[in-house]
Amino acid sequence: MILNVAYSTDNNYVQHVGVSLISLFENNKEFDEITVYIIENNISEISKVNIKLISEKYNRQIKFIDFNKFKGNLKLDIKNSISLSSYARLFLGRIISTNVERVIYMDCDSVINKSLMDLWTMNIYQYYIAGVLDTVSNETKVKVGMDLKSPYVNAGMLLINLKKWREDNIEEKFIEFIDTYNGKVFHHDQGTINGVLNKKILILHPKYNAMTTFFTMNRTDIITYYGLSDYYDEVHLKEAIEEPIFVHYTPAFTTRPWIKGCKHPLRGLYEKYLDMTPWKNIKLRSDSRKAVEKFVASLYNNLPFNVANRICKSLYR
């Protein structure tokens, strides 16, 4: 069986792609073939060599795709928003060969902790994507024109039905949606994905995108902090924490494993796979968070949640 995976990165994050790739290859040896599409924005030649060394070690295929070559063909004006290349996942139907009917898109800041076989073989015939519910407020949904009862997923790990995207001209709908917001969609490409596709999204078990929030808050705290009406039950969240398939190092009251002071309980997984890459001797980066972000994180890390929440609301309301 062939597994197709896609990443999007620039040279600043290529180290994390290397880590994620090692974890992917180590924990998915049952696949006959794995093809990885790396949509790149000015990755250095030495970085490409390092990535190729990893793929060759595991006898897997890497295809670099220069997203800059597609920019001139896109009738899209991001204007003052983030770099156009961050929207690359929206155009996978065009970028990847038409004989590829599905792909798993994964953010770079991740570790694949177990096999993706069950996810890859999942039936998503009637859905555009499958993903894990994000922790966003109702306001976030309103800002992209969504019904409050519609699901909103985190776009850092998506099983994408490319065949259905192409059949229904989803790329054009993405562009039209972005144009409607004058290139300033809230949450950028993630907001676009949810705003356009929310009627046909398959919701996955949270173990397929175990975000840092799962480890820094309990279910009640998540619902309270983000103002949610509901979320995954405690059993599913517990399973995601104890047996995550995809670990997503999103920021949530802690730094990431490649930054000094990281308190993520699974930072050791990142370090384990980092030591297997050409970047194994790289030094930890300094914490560049703003003072207010560090202060808020300190409150939630050192005080009971309810106490920290009351203090923050009184200070920043």
C-alpha atoms as a PDB file:
ATOM      1  CA  MET A   1       0.000   0.000   0.000  1.00  0.00           C
ATOM      2  CA  ILE A   2       1.170   3.525  -0.847  1.00  0.00           C
ATOM      3  CA  LEU A   3       0.917   6.352   1.700  1.00  0.00           C
ATOM      4  CA  ASN A   4       0.955   9.951   0.443  1.00  0.00           C
ATOM      5  CA  VAL A   5       1.960  12.708   2.849  1.00  0.00           C
ATOM      6  CA  ALA A   6       2.449  16.446   2.389  1.00  0.00           C
ATOM      7  CA  TYR A   7       4.276  19.151   4.356  1.00  0.00           C
ATOM      8  CA  SER A   8       4.752  22.854   3.677  1.00  0.00           C
ATOM      9  CA  THR A   9       7.855  24.617   4.999  1.00  0.00           C
ATOM     10  CA  ASP A  10      10.526  27.238   4.603  1.00  0.00           C
ATOM     11  CA  ASN A  11      14.133  26.906   5.715  1.00  0.00           C
ATOM     12  CA  ASN A  12      13.325  28.064   9.261  1.00  0.00           C
ATOM     13  CA  TYR A  13      11.170  25.005   9.913  1.00  0.00           C
ATOM     14  CA  VAL A  14      12.985  22.403   7.839  1.00  0.00           C
ATOM     15  CA  GLN A  15      14.606  20.917  10.967  1.00  0.00           C
ATOM     16  CA  HIS A  16      11.138  20.050  12.248  1.00  0.00           C
ATOM     17  CA  VAL A  17      10.233  18.435   8.936  1.00  0.00           C
ATOM     18  CA  GLY A  18      13.276  16.221   9.424  1.00  0.00           C
ATOM     19  CA  VAL A  19      12.119  15.218  12.899  1.00  0.00           C
ATOM     20  CA  SER A  20       8.568  14.565  11.727  1.00  0.00           C
ATOM     21  CA  LEU A  21       9.811  12.514   8.766  1.00  0.00           C
ATOM     22  CA  ILE A  22      11.980  10.276  10.928  1.00  0.00           C
ATOM     23  CA  SER A  23       9.034   9.607  13.245  1.00  0.00           C
ATOM     24  CA  LEU A  24       6.767   8.960  10.241  1.00  0.00           C
ATOM     25  CA  PHE A  25       9.152   6.463   8.675  1.00  0.00           C
ATOM     26  CA  GLU A  26      10.003   4.719  11.939  1.00  0.00           C
ATOM     27  CA  ASN A  27       6.358   4.113  12.861  1.00  0.00           C
ATOM     28  CA  ASN A  28       4.921   3.285   9.440  1.00  0.00           C
ATOM     29  CA  LYS A  29       7.125   0.516   8.132  1.00  0.00           C
ATOM     30  CA  GLU A  30       4.114  -1.596   7.143  1.00  0.00           C
ATOM     31  CA  PHE A  31       3.486   0.638   4.108  1.00  0.00           C
ATOM     32  CA  ASP A  32       5.026  -0.692   0.896  1.00  0.00           C
ATOM     33  CA  GLU A  33       5.714   2.849  -0.285  1.00  0.00           C
ATOM     34  CA  ILE A  34       5.590   6.311   1.264  1.00  0.00           C
ATOM     35  CA  THR A  35       5.714   9.366  -0.972  1.00  0.00           C
ATOM     36  CA  VAL A  36       6.288  12.685   0.760  1.00  0.00           C
ATOM     37  CA  TYR A  37       5.477  15.954  -0.997  1.00  0.00           C
ATOM     38  CA  ILE A  38       7.340  18.876   0.542  1.00  0.00           C
ATOM     39  CA  ILE A  39       5.927  22.187  -0.651  1.00  0.00           C
ATOM     40  CA  GLU A  40       8.897  24.415  -0.055  1.00  0.00           C
ATOM     41  CA  ASN A  41       9.567  28.110   0.079  1.00  0.00           C
ATOM     42  CA  ASN A  42      13.290  28.761  -0.442  1.00  0.00           C
ATOM     43  CA  ILE A  43      14.691  25.728   1.354  1.00  0.00           C
ATOM     44  CA  SER A  44      18.482  25.737   1.133  1.00  0.00           C
ATOM     45  CA  GLU A  45      20.286  23.109  -0.912  1.00  0.00           C
ATOM     46  CA  ILE A  46      22.021  21.696   2.174  1.00  0.00           C
ATOM     47  CA  SER A  47      18.628  21.302   3.863  1.00  0.00           C
ATOM     48  CA  LYS A  48      17.317  19.446   0.833  1.00  0.00           C
ATOM     49  CA  VAL A  49      20.344  17.173   0.912  1.00  0.00           C
ATOM     50  CA  ASN A  50      19.694  16.413   4.591  1.00  0.00           C
ATOM     51  CA  ILE A  51      16.034  15.598   3.899  1.00  0.00           C
ATOM     52  CA  LYS A  52      17.046  13.336   1.008  1.00  0.00           C
ATOM     53  CA  LEU A  53      19.505  11.513   3.273  1.00  0.00           C
ATOM     54  CA  ILE A  54      16.641  10.719   5.640  1.00  0.00           C
ATOM     55  CA  SER A  55      14.391   9.439   2.847  1.00  0.00           C
ATOM     56  CA  GLU A  56      17.156   7.324   1.327  1.00  0.00           C
ATOM     57  CA  LYS A  57      17.891   5.719   4.681  1.00  0.00           C
ATOM     58  CA  TYR A  58      14.307   4.439   4.818  1.00  0.00           C
ATOM     59  CA  ASN A  59      13.968   3.871   1.062  1.00  0.00           C
ATOM     60  CA  ARG A  60      11.118   6.378   0.834  1.00  0.00           C
ATOM     61  CA  GLN A  61      10.412   8.944  -1.872  1.00  0.00           C
ATOM     62  CA  ILE A  62      10.673  12.717  -1.402  1.00  0.00           C
ATOM     63  CA  LYS A  63       9.296  15.187  -3.935  1.00  0.00           C
ATOM     64  CA  PHE A  64      10.159  18.857  -3.457  1.00  0.00           C
ATOM     65  CA  ILE A  65       7.630  21.271  -4.924  1.00  0.00           C
ATOM     66  CA  ASP A  66       8.606  24.931  -5.265  1.00  0.00           C
ATOM     67  CA  PHE A  67       5.448  26.843  -4.412  1.00  0.00           C
ATOM     68  CA  ASN A  68       6.931  30.034  -5.855  1.00  0.00           C
ATOM     69  CA  LYS A  69       6.345  28.558  -9.317  1.00  0.00           C
ATOM     70  CA  PHE A  70       2.606  28.463  -8.670  1.00  0.00           C
ATOM     71  CA  LYS A  71       2.197  31.989  -7.351  1.00  0.00           C
ATOM     72  CA  GLY A  72       2.022  33.594 -10.773  1.00  0.00           C
ATOM     73  CA  ASN A  73      -0.833  31.287 -11.759  1.00  0.00           C
ATOM     74  CA  LEU A  74      -2.943  32.056  -8.710  1.00  0.00           C
ATOM     75  CA  LYS A  75      -5.527  34.799  -8.973  1.00  0.00           C
ATOM     76  CA  LEU A  76      -5.049  35.622  -5.334  1.00  0.00           C
ATOM     77  CA  ASP A  77      -4.004  38.755  -3.491  1.00  0.00           C
ATOM     78  CA  ILE A  78      -3.133  38.173   0.144  1.00  0.00           C
ATOM     79  CA  LYS A  79      -2.176  41.845   0.488  1.00  0.00           C
ATOM     80  CA  ASN A  80      -1.147  42.526   4.093  1.00  0.00           C
ATOM     81  CA  SER A  81      -1.844  39.009   5.310  1.00  0.00           C
ATOM     82  CA  ILE A  82       0.774  36.332   5.984  1.00  0.00           C
ATOM     83  CA  SER A  83       2.971  34.960   3.219  1.00  0.00           C
ATOM     84  CA  LEU A  84       1.144  33.388   0.305  1.00  0.00           C
ATOM     85  CA  SER A  85       3.189  30.207   0.709  1.00  0.00           C
ATOM     86  CA  SER A  86       1.402  29.474   3.991  1.00  0.00           C
ATOM     87  CA  TYR A  87      -1.720  28.893   1.897  1.00  0.00           C
ATOM     88  CA  ALA A  88      -0.023  26.088  -0.038  1.00  0.00           C
ATOM     89  CA  ARG A  89      -2.188  23.327   1.437  1.00  0.00           C
ATOM     90  CA  LEU A  90      -5.236  24.906  -0.234  1.00  0.00           C
ATOM     91  CA  PHE A  91      -3.800  24.086  -3.648  1.00  0.00           C
ATOM     92  CA  LEU A  92      -2.739  20.483  -3.130  1.00  0.00           C
ATOM     93  CA  GLY A  93      -5.278  19.376  -5.732  1.00  0.00           C
ATOM     94  CA  ARG A  94      -3.304  21.286  -8.346  1.00  0.00           C
ATOM     95  CA  ILE A  95       0.195  20.859  -6.945  1.00  0.00           C
ATOM     96  CA  ILE A  96       0.072  17.072  -6.570  1.00  0.00           C
ATOM     97  CA  SER A  97      -0.404  14.766  -9.565  1.00  0.00           C
ATOM     98  CA  THR A  98      -4.034  14.061 -10.458  1.00  0.00           C
ATOM     99  CA  ASN A  99      -3.527  10.316 -10.035  1.00  0.00           C
ATOM    100  CA  VAL A 100      -3.089  10.923  -6.286  1.00  0.00           C
ATOM    101  CA  GLU A 101      -6.603  10.854  -4.853  1.00  0.00           C
ATOM    102  CA  ARG A 102      -5.895  11.390  -1.172  1.00  0.00           C
ATOM    103  CA  VAL A 103      -3.106  12.772   0.965  1.00  0.00           C
ATOM    104  CA  ILE A 104      -2.409  13.374   4.652  1.00  0.00           C
ATOM    105  CA  TYR A 105      -1.304  16.952   5.217  1.00  0.00           C
ATOM    106  CA  MET A 106       0.769  17.473   8.378  1.00  0.00           C
ATOM    107  CA  ASP A 107       2.265  20.555   9.982  1.00  0.00           C
ATOM    108  CA  CYS A 108       6.015  20.447  10.561  1.00  0.00           C
ATOM    109  CA  ASP A 109       5.840  20.883  14.346  1.00  0.00           C
ATOM    110  CA  SER A 110       4.809  17.301  14.878  1.00  0.00           C
ATOM    111  CA  VAL A 111       5.812  13.762  15.728  1.00  0.00           C
ATOM    112  CA  ILE A 112       4.013  10.719  14.339  1.00  0.00           C
ATOM    113  CA  ASN A 113       3.915   8.390  17.309  1.00  0.00           C
ATOM    114  CA  LYS A 114       2.123   5.374  15.811  1.00  0.00           C
ATOM    115  CA  SER A 115       0.953   3.874  12.534  1.00  0.00           C
ATOM    116  CA  LEU A 116      -1.255   5.956  10.233  1.00  0.00           C
ATOM    117  CA  MET A 117      -2.758   2.860   8.594  1.00  0.00           C
ATOM    118  CA  ASP A 118      -6.195   3.123  10.222  1.00  0.00           C
ATOM    119  CA  LEU A 119      -6.426   6.793   9.308  1.00  0.00           C
ATOM    120  CA  TRP A 120      -5.180   6.249   5.757  1.00  0.00           C
ATOM    121  CA  THR A 121      -7.695   3.503   5.028  1.00  0.00           C
ATOM    122  CA  MET A 122     -10.628   5.406   6.510  1.00  0.00           C
ATOM    123  CA  ASN A 123     -13.643   5.892   4.256  1.00  0.00           C
ATOM    124  CA  ILE A 124     -13.973   9.604   3.457  1.00  0.00           C
ATOM    125  CA  TYR A 125     -15.719   9.178   0.109  1.00  0.00           C
ATOM    126  CA  GLN A 126     -18.441  11.715   0.944  1.00  0.00           C
ATOM    127  CA  TYR A 127     -16.187  14.149   2.850  1.00  0.00           C
ATOM    128  CA  TYR A 128     -13.692  16.771   1.696  1.00  0.00           C
ATOM    129  CA  ILE A 129     -11.435  16.348   4.727  1.00  0.00           C
ATOM    130  CA  ALA A 130     -11.152  14.552   8.034  1.00  0.00           C
ATOM    131  CA  GLY A 131      -9.655  16.342  11.031  1.00  0.00           C
ATOM    132  CA  VAL A 132      -9.689  16.946  14.776  1.00  0.00           C
ATOM    133  CA  LEU A 133     -11.836  19.630  16.370  1.00  0.00           C
ATOM    134  CA  ASP A 134      -9.861  22.721  17.300  1.00  0.00           C
ATOM    135  CA  THR A 135     -10.302  24.728  20.493  1.00  0.00           C
ATOM    136  CA  VAL A 136     -11.780  27.908  19.048  1.00  0.00           C
ATOM    137  CA  SER A 137     -14.483  30.262  20.266  1.00  0.00           C
ATOM    138  CA  ASN A 138     -17.805  30.952  18.569  1.00  0.00           C
ATOM    139  CA  GLU A 139     -16.383  34.320  17.550  1.00  0.00           C
ATOM    140  CA  THR A 140     -13.811  32.544  15.394  1.00  0.00           C
ATOM    141  CA  LYS A 141     -16.577  30.733  13.527  1.00  0.00           C
ATOM    142  CA  VAL A 142     -18.573  33.914  13.048  1.00  0.00           C
ATOM    143  CA  LYS A 143     -15.544  35.662  11.545  1.00  0.00           C
ATOM    144  CA  VAL A 144     -15.467  33.145   8.687  1.00  0.00           C
ATOM    145  CA  GLY A 145     -19.221  33.044   8.195  1.00  0.00           C
ATOM    146  CA  MET A 146     -19.825  29.676   9.839  1.00  0.00           C
ATOM    147  CA  ASP A 147     -22.888  28.429  11.669  1.00  0.00           C
ATOM    148  CA  LEU A 148     -22.084  28.058  15.363  1.00  0.00           C
ATOM    149  CA  LYS A 149     -23.045  24.376  15.283  1.00  0.00           C
ATOM    150  CA  SER A 150     -20.672  23.607  12.408  1.00  0.00           C
ATOM    151  CA  PRO A 151     -17.416  21.765  13.171  1.00  0.00           C
ATOM    152  CA  TYR A 152     -14.153  23.731  13.083  1.00  0.00           C
ATOM    153  CA  VAL A 153     -11.023  21.603  12.774  1.00  0.00           C
ATOM    154  CA  ASN A 154      -7.356  22.258  13.323  1.00  0.00           C
ATOM    155  CA  ALA A 155      -5.685  22.252   9.902  1.00  0.00           C
ATOM    156  CA  GLY A 156      -2.351  20.940  11.225  1.00  0.00           C
ATOM    157  CA  MET A 157      -3.307  17.350  10.397  1.00  0.00           C
ATOM    158  CA  LEU A 158      -5.842  16.628   7.681  1.00  0.00           C
ATOM    159  CA  LEU A 159      -6.782  13.585   5.663  1.00  0.00           C
ATOM    160  CA  ILE A 160      -7.712  15.228   2.358  1.00  0.00           C
ATOM    161  CA  ASN A 161      -9.975  13.799  -0.342  1.00  0.00           C
ATOM    162  CA  LEU A 162      -8.167  15.290  -3.338  1.00  0.00           C
ATOM    163  CA  LYS A 163     -10.422  13.472  -5.786  1.00  0.00           C
ATOM    164  CA  LYS A 164     -13.508  15.215  -4.392  1.00  0.00           C
ATOM    165  CA  TRP A 165     -11.653  18.550  -4.189  1.00  0.00           C
ATOM    166  CA  ARG A 166     -10.957  18.365  -7.893  1.00  0.00           C
ATOM    167  CA  GLU A 167     -14.436  17.159  -8.844  1.00  0.00           C
ATOM    168  CA  ASP A 168     -16.100  20.018  -6.939  1.00  0.00           C
ATOM    169  CA  ASN A 169     -13.608  22.739  -7.897  1.00  0.00           C
ATOM    170  CA  ILE A 170     -12.721  23.406  -4.286  1.00  0.00           C
ATOM    171  CA  GLU A 171      -9.611  25.407  -5.179  1.00  0.00           C
ATOM    172  CA  GLU A 172     -11.782  27.984  -6.955  1.00  0.00           C
ATOM    173  CA  LYS A 173     -14.071  28.128  -3.948  1.00  0.00           C
ATOM    174  CA  PHE A 174     -11.066  28.762  -1.690  1.00  0.00           C
ATOM    175  CA  ILE A 175      -9.955  31.656  -3.882  1.00  0.00           C
ATOM    176  CA  GLU A 176     -13.462  33.125  -4.023  1.00  0.00           C
ATOM    177  CA  PHE A 177     -13.730  32.872  -0.249  1.00  0.00           C
ATOM    178  CA  ILE A 178     -10.400  34.639   0.306  1.00  0.00           C
ATOM    179  CA  ASP A 179     -11.383  37.348  -2.174  1.00  0.00           C
ATOM    180  CA  THR A 180     -14.623  37.878  -0.248  1.00  0.00           C
ATOM    181  CA  TYR A 181     -12.528  38.771   2.794  1.00  0.00           C
ATOM    182  CA  ASN A 182     -10.099  40.890   0.745  1.00  0.00           C
ATOM    183  CA  GLY A 183      -7.257  38.480   1.456  1.00  0.00           C
ATOM    184  CA  LYS A 184      -7.616  38.825   5.222  1.00  0.00           C
ATOM    185  CA  VAL A 185      -9.317  35.649   6.391  1.00  0.00           C
ATOM    186  CA  PHE A 186      -9.279  35.163  10.160  1.00  0.00           C
ATOM    187  CA  HIS A 187      -6.854  32.303  10.939  1.00  0.00           C
ATOM    188  CA  HIS A 188      -5.704  32.545   7.318  1.00  0.00           C
ATOM    189  CA  ASP A 189      -5.650  29.201   5.483  1.00  0.00           C
ATOM    190  CA  GLN A 190      -7.226  27.357   8.431  1.00  0.00           C
ATOM    191  CA  GLY A 191     -10.119  29.800   8.459  1.00  0.00           C
ATOM    192  CA  THR A 192     -10.491  29.322   4.717  1.00  0.00           C
ATOM    193  CA  ILE A 193     -10.559  25.533   4.980  1.00  0.00           C
ATOM    194  CA  ASN A 194     -13.224  25.598   7.664  1.00  0.00           C
ATOM    195  CA  GLY A 195     -15.240  28.387   6.099  1.00  0.00           C
ATOM    196  CA  VAL A 196     -15.489  26.576   2.770  1.00  0.00           C
ATOM    197  CA  LEU A 197     -15.557  22.896   3.747  1.00  0.00           C
ATOM    198  CA  ASN A 198     -17.422  22.827   7.076  1.00  0.00           C
ATOM    199  CA  LYS A 199     -20.519  21.082   5.661  1.00  0.00           C
ATOM    200  CA  LYS A 200     -18.509  18.014   4.669  1.00  0.00           C
ATOM    201  CA  ILE A 201     -15.887  17.426   7.357  1.00  0.00           C
ATOM    202  CA  LEU A 202     -15.418  14.075   9.081  1.00  0.00           C
ATOM    203  CA  ILE A 203     -14.484  14.575  12.734  1.00  0.00           C
ATOM    204  CA  LEU A 204     -11.661  12.325  13.936  1.00  0.00           C
ATOM    205  CA  HIS A 205     -10.689  10.982  17.335  1.00  0.00           C
ATOM    206  CA  PRO A 206      -8.440  13.572  19.061  1.00  0.00           C
ATOM    207  CA  LYS A 207      -5.531  11.074  19.081  1.00  0.00           C
ATOM    208  CA  TYR A 208      -5.016  11.998  15.425  1.00  0.00           C
ATOM    209  CA  ASN A 209      -4.019  15.543  16.382  1.00  0.00           C
ATOM    210  CA  ALA A 210      -2.999  15.632  20.032  1.00  0.00           C
ATOM    211  CA  MET A 211      -2.487  19.364  20.492  1.00  0.00           C
ATOM    212  CA  THR A 212      -0.582  20.827  23.429  1.00  0.00           C
ATOM    213  CA  THR A 213      -3.852  22.090  24.913  1.00  0.00           C
ATOM    214  CA  PHE A 214      -4.798  18.490  25.721  1.00  0.00           C
ATOM    215  CA  PHE A 215      -1.749  18.211  27.970  1.00  0.00           C
ATOM    216  CA  THR A 216      -1.946  21.625  29.660  1.00  0.00           C
ATOM    217  CA  MET A 217      -5.690  21.709  30.455  1.00  0.00           C
ATOM    218  CA  ASN A 218      -8.407  19.260  31.367  1.00  0.00           C
ATOM    219  CA  ARG A 219     -11.693  19.131  29.456  1.00  0.00           C
ATOM    220  CA  THR A 220     -13.509  21.514  31.783  1.00  0.00           C
ATOM    221  CA  ASP A 221     -10.669  24.027  31.579  1.00  0.00           C
ATOM    222  CA  ILE A 222     -10.611  23.820  27.774  1.00  0.00           C
ATOM    223  CA  ILE A 223     -14.343  24.495  27.551  1.00  0.00           C
ATOM    224  CA  THR A 224     -14.104  27.366  30.040  1.00  0.00           C
ATOM    225  CA  TYR A 225     -11.012  29.021  28.581  1.00  0.00           C
ATOM    226  CA  TYR A 226     -12.153  28.915  24.964  1.00  0.00           C
ATOM    227  CA  GLY A 227     -15.838  29.486  25.678  1.00  0.00           C
ATOM    228  CA  LEU A 228     -16.922  26.245  24.018  1.00  0.00           C
ATOM    229  CA  SER A 229     -20.410  24.804  24.274  1.00  0.00           C
ATOM    230  CA  ASP A 230     -19.032  21.265  24.031  1.00  0.00           C
ATOM    231  CA  TYR A 231     -15.891  19.317  23.153  1.00  0.00           C
ATOM    232  CA  TYR A 232     -14.570  15.756  23.102  1.00  0.00           C
ATOM    233  CA  ASP A 233     -15.497  13.736  26.173  1.00  0.00           C
ATOM    234  CA  GLU A 234     -12.981  12.950  28.899  1.00  0.00           C
ATOM    235  CA  VAL A 235     -12.492   9.359  27.730  1.00  0.00           C
ATOM    236  CA  HIS A 236     -11.417  10.397  24.218  1.00  0.00           C
ATOM    237  CA  LEU A 237      -9.138  13.149  25.512  1.00  0.00           C
ATOM    238  CA  LYS A 238      -7.528  10.709  27.941  1.00  0.00           C
ATOM    239  CA  GLU A 239      -6.907   8.283  25.070  1.00  0.00           C
ATOM    240  CA  ALA A 240      -5.380  11.090  23.008  1.00  0.00           C
ATOM    241  CA  ILE A 241      -3.003  11.973  25.840  1.00  0.00           C
ATOM    242  CA  GLU A 242      -1.991   8.404  26.647  1.00  0.00           C
ATOM    243  CA  GLU A 243      -1.869   6.950  23.107  1.00  0.00           C
ATOM    244  CA  PRO A 244      -1.460   9.828  20.642  1.00  0.00           C
ATOM    245  CA  ILE A 245      -0.938   8.943  17.008  1.00  0.00           C
ATOM    246  CA  PHE A 246      -0.027  12.464  15.900  1.00  0.00           C
ATOM    247  CA  VAL A 247       1.591  14.778  18.457  1.00  0.00           C
ATOM    248  CA  HIS A 248       1.173  18.420  17.455  1.00  0.00           C
ATOM    249  CA  TYR A 249       3.440  20.826  19.361  1.00  0.00           C
ATOM    250  CA  THR A 250       1.131  23.821  19.278  1.00  0.00           C
ATOM    251  CA  PRO A 251       1.859  26.646  21.751  1.00  0.00           C
ATOM    252  CA  ALA A 252      -0.334  26.492  24.869  1.00  0.00           C
ATOM    253  CA  PHE A 253       1.199  27.925  28.055  1.00  0.00           C
ATOM    254  CA  THR A 254       4.568  26.400  27.202  1.00  0.00           C
ATOM    255  CA  THR A 255       7.283  26.697  24.594  1.00  0.00           C
ATOM    256  CA  ARG A 256       7.991  24.068  21.959  1.00  0.00           C
ATOM    257  CA  PRO A 257      10.601  21.278  22.331  1.00  0.00           C
ATOM    258  CA  TRP A 258      13.223  23.172  20.302  1.00  0.00           C
ATOM    259  CA  ILE A 259      12.995  26.220  22.590  1.00  0.00           C
ATOM    260  CA  LYS A 260      14.515  26.570  26.047  1.00  0.00           C
ATOM    261  CA  GLY A 261      12.195  25.945  28.962  1.00  0.00           C
ATOM    262  CA  CYS A 262       9.758  23.635  27.193  1.00  0.00           C
ATOM    263  CA  LYS A 263       7.514  21.825  29.676  1.00  0.00           C
ATOM    264  CA  HIS A 264       5.557  19.715  27.205  1.00  0.00           C
ATOM    265  CA  PRO A 265       5.352  16.201  28.708  1.00  0.00           C
ATOM    266  CA  LEU A 266       6.166  14.651  25.315  1.00  0.00           C
ATOM    267  CA  ARG A 267       9.116  16.870  24.450  1.00  0.00           C
ATOM    268  CA  GLY A 268      11.273  13.757  24.832  1.00  0.00           C
ATOM    269  CA  LEU A 269       9.655  12.284  21.715  1.00  0.00           C
ATOM    270  CA  TYR A 270      10.813  15.258  19.672  1.00  0.00           C
ATOM    271  CA  GLU A 271      14.304  15.008  21.179  1.00  0.00           C
ATOM    272  CA  LYS A 272      14.440  11.278  20.437  1.00  0.00           C
ATOM    273  CA  TYR A 273      13.803  11.750  16.730  1.00  0.00           C
ATOM    274  CA  LEU A 274      15.888  14.931  16.528  1.00  0.00           C
ATOM    275  CA  ASP A 275      18.895  12.863  17.615  1.00  0.00           C
ATOM    276  CA  MET A 276      18.302  10.658  14.566  1.00  0.00           C
ATOM    277  CA  THR A 277      18.460  13.587  12.111  1.00  0.00           C
ATOM    278  CA  PRO A 278      21.325  15.628  10.617  1.00  0.00           C
ATOM    279  CA  TRP A 279      20.208  18.442  12.956  1.00  0.00           C
ATOM    280  CA  LYS A 280      20.929  16.442  16.108  1.00  0.00           C
ATOM    281  CA  ASN A 281      23.582  18.837  17.457  1.00  0.00           C
ATOM    282  CA  ILE A 282      21.581  22.001  16.977  1.00  0.00           C
ATOM    283  CA  LYS A 283      21.228  24.210  20.057  1.00  0.00           C
ATOM    284  CA  LEU A 284      17.942  25.074  21.703  1.00  0.00           C
ATOM    285  CA  ARG A 285      16.574  28.468  20.725  1.00  0.00           C
ATOM    286  CA  SER A 286      15.854  31.278  23.167  1.00  0.00           C
ATOM    287  CA  ASP A 287      12.278  31.919  24.240  1.00  0.00           C
ATOM    288  CA  SER A 288      11.150  34.838  22.071  1.00  0.00           C
ATOM    289  CA  ARG A 289       7.662  35.155  23.497  1.00  0.00           C
ATOM    290  CA  LYS A 290       6.545  38.604  24.572  1.00  0.00           C
ATOM    291  CA  ALA A 291       6.671  39.421  28.277  1.00  0.00           C
ATOM    292  CA  VAL A 292       2.891  39.360  28.564  1.00  0.00           C
ATOM    293  CA  GLU A 293       2.746  35.875  26.994  1.00  0.00           C
ATOM    294  CA  LYS A 294       5.340  34.584  29.463  1.00  0.00           C
ATOM    295  CA  PHE A 295       3.438  36.175  32.340  1.00  0.00           C
ATOM    296  CA  VAL A 296       0.141  34.574  31.340  1.00  0.00           C
ATOM    297  CA  ALA A 297       1.818  31.192  30.836  1.00  0.00           C
ATOM    298  CA  SER A 298       3.408  31.473  34.270  1.00  0.00           C
ATOM    299  CA  LEU A 299       0.022  32.127  35.861  1.00  0.00           C
ATOM    300  CA  TYR A 300      -1.584  29.067  34.287  1.00  0.00           C
ATOM    301  CA  ASN A 301       1.451  26.868  34.955  1.00  0.00           C
ATOM    302  CA  ASN A 302       1.774  27.761  38.634  1.00  0.00           C
ATOM    303  CA  LEU A 303      -1.737  28.531  39.852  1.00  0.00           C
ATOM    304  CA  PRO A 304      -4.988  26.562  39.867  1.00  0.00           C
ATOM    305  CA  PHE A 305      -6.743  27.112  36.541  1.00  0.00           C
ATOM    306  CA  ASN A 306      -9.725  28.960  38.019  1.00  0.00           C
ATOM    307  CA  VAL A 307      -7.464  31.346  39.912  1.00  0.00           C
ATOM    308  CA  ALA A 308      -5.250  32.048  36.884  1.00  0.00           C
ATOM    309  CA  ASN A 309      -8.313  32.535  34.696  1.00  0.00           C
ATOM    310  CA  ARG A 310      -9.845  35.074  37.079  1.00  0.00           C
ATOM    311  CA  ILE A 311      -6.603  37.027  37.276  1.00  0.00           C
ATOM    312  CA  CYS A 312      -6.212  37.145  33.485  1.00  0.00           C
ATOM    313  CA  LYS A 313      -9.814  38.190  32.931  1.00  0.00           C
ATOM    314  CA  SER A 314      -9.495  40.993  35.469  1.00  0.00           C
ATOM    315  CA  LEU A 315      -6.233  42.215  33.944  1.00  0.00           C
ATOM    316  CA  TYR A 316      -7.103  41.998  30.259  1.00  0.00           C
ATOM    317  CA  ARG A 317     -10.821  42.632  30.044  1.00  0.00           C
END
